[in-house]
């Protein structure tokens, strides 16, 4: 099992718009429906323009499938419009 934490630093004042675009494009719903997805949840971070994504995946194959999906590509397009920078942390269940 893998846990992925993604911190999006959104362009000033665009955090809510980014989350709305994600939901409007059903990126969150489609990701949660993928085989091997245990958790896929967005939340507001402590910083003003920070959006946090918490993902839990069954295995590396599920993550690879997710990364090659059309909705993952669409998320990348939205990031260009709304996101200034992105930080990733990935942990295996064995590390916890």
C-alpha atoms as a PDB file:
ATOM      1  CA  UNK A   1       0.000   0.000   0.000  1.00  0.00           C
ATOM      2  CA  UNK A   2       1.201   3.510  -0.831  1.00  0.00           C
ATOM      3  CA  UNK A   3       0.248   6.875   0.629  1.00  0.00           C
ATOM      4  CA  UNK A   4       0.789   9.934  -1.568  1.00  0.00           C
ATOM      5  CA  UNK A   5       0.520  13.477  -0.216  1.00  0.00           C
ATOM      6  CA  UNK A   6       0.361  16.255  -2.772  1.00  0.00           C
ATOM      7  CA  UNK A   7       0.645  19.922  -1.810  1.00  0.00           C
ATOM      8  CA  UNK A   8      -0.510  22.354  -4.448  1.00  0.00           C
ATOM      9  CA  UNK A   9       0.523  25.976  -4.028  1.00  0.00           C
ATOM     10  CA  UNK A  10      -2.212  27.634  -6.054  1.00  0.00           C
ATOM     11  CA  UNK A  11      -1.863  30.951  -7.804  1.00  0.00           C
ATOM     12  CA  UNK A  12      -3.034  33.742  -5.536  1.00  0.00           C
ATOM     13  CA  UNK A  13      -6.768  33.601  -4.900  1.00  0.00           C
ATOM     14  CA  UNK A  14      -7.383  30.580  -7.171  1.00  0.00           C
ATOM     15  CA  UNK A  15      -7.482  27.693  -4.661  1.00  0.00           C
ATOM     16  CA  UNK A  16     -11.283  27.472  -4.560  1.00  0.00           C
ATOM     17  CA  UNK A  17     -11.494  27.813  -8.350  1.00  0.00           C
ATOM     18  CA  UNK A  18      -8.997  24.959  -8.780  1.00  0.00           C
ATOM     19  CA  UNK A  19     -10.958  22.675  -6.471  1.00  0.00           C
ATOM     20  CA  UNK A  20     -14.197  23.590  -8.271  1.00  0.00           C
ATOM     21  CA  UNK A  21     -12.579  22.790 -11.644  1.00  0.00           C
ATOM     22  CA  UNK A  22     -11.427  19.409 -10.286  1.00  0.00           C
ATOM     23  CA  UNK A  23     -14.958  18.628  -9.117  1.00  0.00           C
ATOM     24  CA  UNK A  24     -16.606  19.986 -12.295  1.00  0.00           C
ATOM     25  CA  UNK A  25     -14.352  17.704 -14.369  1.00  0.00           C
ATOM     26  CA  UNK A  26     -15.131  14.798 -11.989  1.00  0.00           C
ATOM     27  CA  UNK A  27     -11.420  14.114 -11.568  1.00  0.00           C
ATOM     28  CA  UNK A  28     -11.913  13.259  -7.901  1.00  0.00           C
ATOM     29  CA  UNK A  29     -14.847  10.919  -8.602  1.00  0.00           C
ATOM     30  CA  UNK A  30     -13.085   9.120 -11.458  1.00  0.00           C
ATOM     31  CA  UNK A  31      -9.920   8.690  -9.402  1.00  0.00           C
ATOM     32  CA  UNK A  32     -11.859   7.257  -6.447  1.00  0.00           C
ATOM     33  CA  UNK A  33     -13.586   4.770  -8.767  1.00  0.00           C
ATOM     34  CA  UNK A  34     -10.294   3.330 -10.051  1.00  0.00           C
ATOM     35  CA  UNK A  35      -9.414  -0.189  -9.012  1.00  0.00           C
ATOM     36  CA  UNK A  36      -6.813  -0.034  -6.256  1.00  0.00           C
ATOM     37  CA  UNK A  37      -7.799   3.415  -4.996  1.00  0.00           C
ATOM     38  CA  UNK A  38      -8.427   3.315  -1.268  1.00  0.00           C
ATOM     39  CA  UNK A  39      -8.599   7.060  -0.633  1.00  0.00           C
ATOM     40  CA  UNK A  40      -8.500  10.169  -2.813  1.00  0.00           C
ATOM     41  CA  UNK A  41      -9.443  13.319  -0.930  1.00  0.00           C
ATOM     42  CA  UNK A  42      -8.805  17.048  -1.267  1.00  0.00           C
ATOM     43  CA  UNK A  43      -8.614  19.454   1.672  1.00  0.00           C
ATOM     44  CA  UNK A  44      -7.504  23.019   2.282  1.00  0.00           C
ATOM     45  CA  UNK A  45      -3.995  23.373   3.667  1.00  0.00           C
ATOM     46  CA  UNK A  46      -2.809  25.666   6.427  1.00  0.00           C
ATOM     47  CA  UNK A  47      -1.425  28.207   3.973  1.00  0.00           C
ATOM     48  CA  UNK A  48      -3.836  30.608   2.258  1.00  0.00           C
ATOM     49  CA  UNK A  49      -3.491  29.212  -1.282  1.00  0.00           C
ATOM     50  CA  UNK A  50      -2.590  25.610  -0.416  1.00  0.00           C
ATOM     51  CA  UNK A  51      -4.671  22.628  -1.502  1.00  0.00           C
ATOM     52  CA  UNK A  52      -3.777  19.166  -0.173  1.00  0.00           C
ATOM     53  CA  UNK A  53      -4.512  15.877  -1.912  1.00  0.00           C
ATOM     54  CA  UNK A  54      -4.301  12.684   0.146  1.00  0.00           C
ATOM     55  CA  UNK A  55      -4.161   9.477  -1.869  1.00  0.00           C
ATOM     56  CA  UNK A  56      -3.920   5.867  -0.697  1.00  0.00           C
ATOM     57  CA  UNK A  57      -3.323   3.182  -3.316  1.00  0.00           C
ATOM     58  CA  UNK A  58      -3.274  -0.593  -3.018  1.00  0.00           C
ATOM     59  CA  UNK A  59      -0.019  -0.965  -4.958  1.00  0.00           C
ATOM     60  CA  UNK A  60       2.308   0.542  -7.546  1.00  0.00           C
ATOM     61  CA  UNK A  61       0.289  -0.877 -10.433  1.00  0.00           C
ATOM     62  CA  UNK A  62      -2.770   1.095  -9.297  1.00  0.00           C
ATOM     63  CA  UNK A  63      -0.685   4.285  -9.164  1.00  0.00           C
ATOM     64  CA  UNK A  64       0.725   3.626 -12.639  1.00  0.00           C
ATOM     65  CA  UNK A  65      -2.767   3.048 -14.024  1.00  0.00           C
ATOM     66  CA  UNK A  66      -3.919   6.304 -12.411  1.00  0.00           C
ATOM     67  CA  UNK A  67      -0.990   8.266 -13.861  1.00  0.00           C
ATOM     68  CA  UNK A  68      -1.906   7.053 -17.355  1.00  0.00           C
ATOM     69  CA  UNK A  69      -5.610   7.909 -17.126  1.00  0.00           C
ATOM     70  CA  UNK A  70      -7.312  10.636 -19.135  1.00  0.00           C
ATOM     71  CA  UNK A  71      -8.511  12.396 -15.990  1.00  0.00           C
ATOM     72  CA  UNK A  72      -4.931  12.524 -14.652  1.00  0.00           C
ATOM     73  CA  UNK A  73      -3.907  14.225 -17.903  1.00  0.00           C
ATOM     74  CA  UNK A  74      -6.810  16.653 -17.500  1.00  0.00           C
ATOM     75  CA  UNK A  75      -5.626  17.430 -13.956  1.00  0.00           C
ATOM     76  CA  UNK A  76      -2.249  18.356 -15.455  1.00  0.00           C
ATOM     77  CA  UNK A  77      -3.971  20.787 -17.813  1.00  0.00           C
ATOM     78  CA  UNK A  78      -5.844  22.386 -14.920  1.00  0.00           C
ATOM     79  CA  UNK A  79      -2.617  22.719 -12.935  1.00  0.00           C
ATOM     80  CA  UNK A  80      -1.176  24.922 -15.670  1.00  0.00           C
ATOM     81  CA  UNK A  81      -4.060  27.321 -15.169  1.00  0.00           C
ATOM     82  CA  UNK A  82      -4.350  27.304 -11.364  1.00  0.00           C
ATOM     83  CA  UNK A  83      -1.163  26.009  -9.719  1.00  0.00           C
ATOM     84  CA  UNK A  84       2.126  27.755  -9.016  1.00  0.00           C
ATOM     85  CA  UNK A  85       4.014  24.731  -7.619  1.00  0.00           C
ATOM     86  CA  UNK A  86       3.445  21.128  -6.553  1.00  0.00           C
ATOM     87  CA  UNK A  87       5.200  19.019  -3.885  1.00  0.00           C
ATOM     88  CA  UNK A  88       4.853  15.236  -3.616  1.00  0.00           C
ATOM     89  CA  UNK A  89       5.562  12.847  -0.751  1.00  0.00           C
ATOM     90  CA  UNK A  90       5.164   9.099  -1.212  1.00  0.00           C
ATOM     91  CA  UNK A  91       5.287   6.505   1.551  1.00  0.00           C
ATOM     92  CA  UNK A  92       4.912   2.747   1.499  1.00  0.00           C
ATOM     93  CA  UNK A  93       2.916   1.120   4.277  1.00  0.00           C
ATOM     94  CA  UNK A  94       6.104  -0.640   5.345  1.00  0.00           C
ATOM     95  CA  UNK A  95       7.677   2.761   6.176  1.00  0.00           C
ATOM     96  CA  UNK A  96       4.908   3.701   8.582  1.00  0.00           C
END
